[in-house]
Amino acid sequence: MHIVISGYFGFDNVGDEAILYSIIESLRAVKPNVNITVLSNNPAATSRTYNVQAVNRRKLKEITRAIRSSDGLISGGGSLLQDKTGMLTIPYYTGVMRIAKFLNKPVFIYAQGMGPISSKLNKWLVKTTLNNVSQITVRDKASKQLLSDIGVTNPAPIVPDPVLGLDQASFSHNWKTSEHLRPFITVSIRDWPTKQAYHKKVATCLDDLAQNGYDIVFVPMHGKQDAVQSKKTADLMKEKSYLFPSNASIQEKIAIIGDSQLLIGMRLHSLIFSAICTTPFVAISYDPKIDAFASLCDQPVIGHVEKDNWGSDDLWETIRRILSMEEWKQAELRRKVSEHQQNAKKTPEMVFETFIQELKCEQSY
């Protein structure tokens, strides 16, 4: 079977690359000989990294040729159908789905987080496109509700983010191990337009942690962009900190978070990495998806980057409380996450069932 995968791939965003890696690994776990083509911003790197075929996501002819030769299209995961990051995002991803439907190929929406969608045109595009796909799966209740609100009538069961299905036991890193003689805290921070000085709040708390015996390791999740934000925060600190390589592999970033005592995270997939390693985390929210995942894992959200109702003292006190009962918190997180990890492995089975069923229907005509 040949499957094409469409998503935000080839942009050096560890979260989205982790989604791709997870989907590929889970598909191969079900059918080891599955043939996969990825629509990528950097086809050569994607092909080399994941041992798949890859075509340029910006070239219509390449996209059409790949889908025509396939047995179906996967769209996802991640937050593809939203217009927060630009007005062309939804037209692009729904456009790829419409090409697949024009070519009579089944379309599977894979664990997507939906919205926000503010434009009437984009709401119409999502509604009319998703009402004609073969199967929709979403990753949270808010996404399911949004689809219902805009008129999507296709069923949309909730499934875990694909990254939750990863088995991190074999992942490792060998970065500066000898320097980290003390327990350490990992930090994933990103840029966000706000008047609130959240970098300073985090930096002040990190100084308190360092003065109480913890090393601080920043883990950039989106390449150089997050490395810049990590350095910006580190420069506001009085104490020493470390920067994990921004170009480290997904597996290495998961491993370093897994070795830490706790993660302070803004990026969703830093929280997911933390969860699969049963490393407790404290989230800083910029989007409802952060709150939703933290709630799923029963981990605290200290506040929102656009609000002034939290400070460094609140962050420090929350972390201090978690670290004071670290083993219990790890056990609780393990219990919360284990069920979702198993459920994440069921989604690829749905993909093959959907595509095989459509193929049988097509052959019966």
Foldseek 3Di string as FASTA:
>chain_A
DEEEEEDAAAQQFQLQVLLVLLLLVLLCVVPVPYAYEYAHCDQVVVCVVRVHGYDHLVDPVVLLVSLLPGLAYEYDAEEQLEDPPHDCRLVSSLVSLVSNVVSVHAYEYAAYQYYDHDDPVSLVSCQVSQLPHLYAEHAFPVRQVSNVVSHRPGDYHHAHRSSLQDQLPPFEDDPPPVVQPWAAEEEFDADDDAPFPVLLQQQVLVLVVVVVTYAYEYAYRRAPRRVVSVVVSQVSHPDDHYYDHSPDHSSHLLHVLLRHQEYEYADPVNVSSNLSSLRAYEYEYADVSNVRVCVLQVHHHQYYRHDDPHGNVSVNVSVVVCSVVSVVSSVSSCVSSVVSNVRSSCRSVVVVVSSVVSVVVVVVD
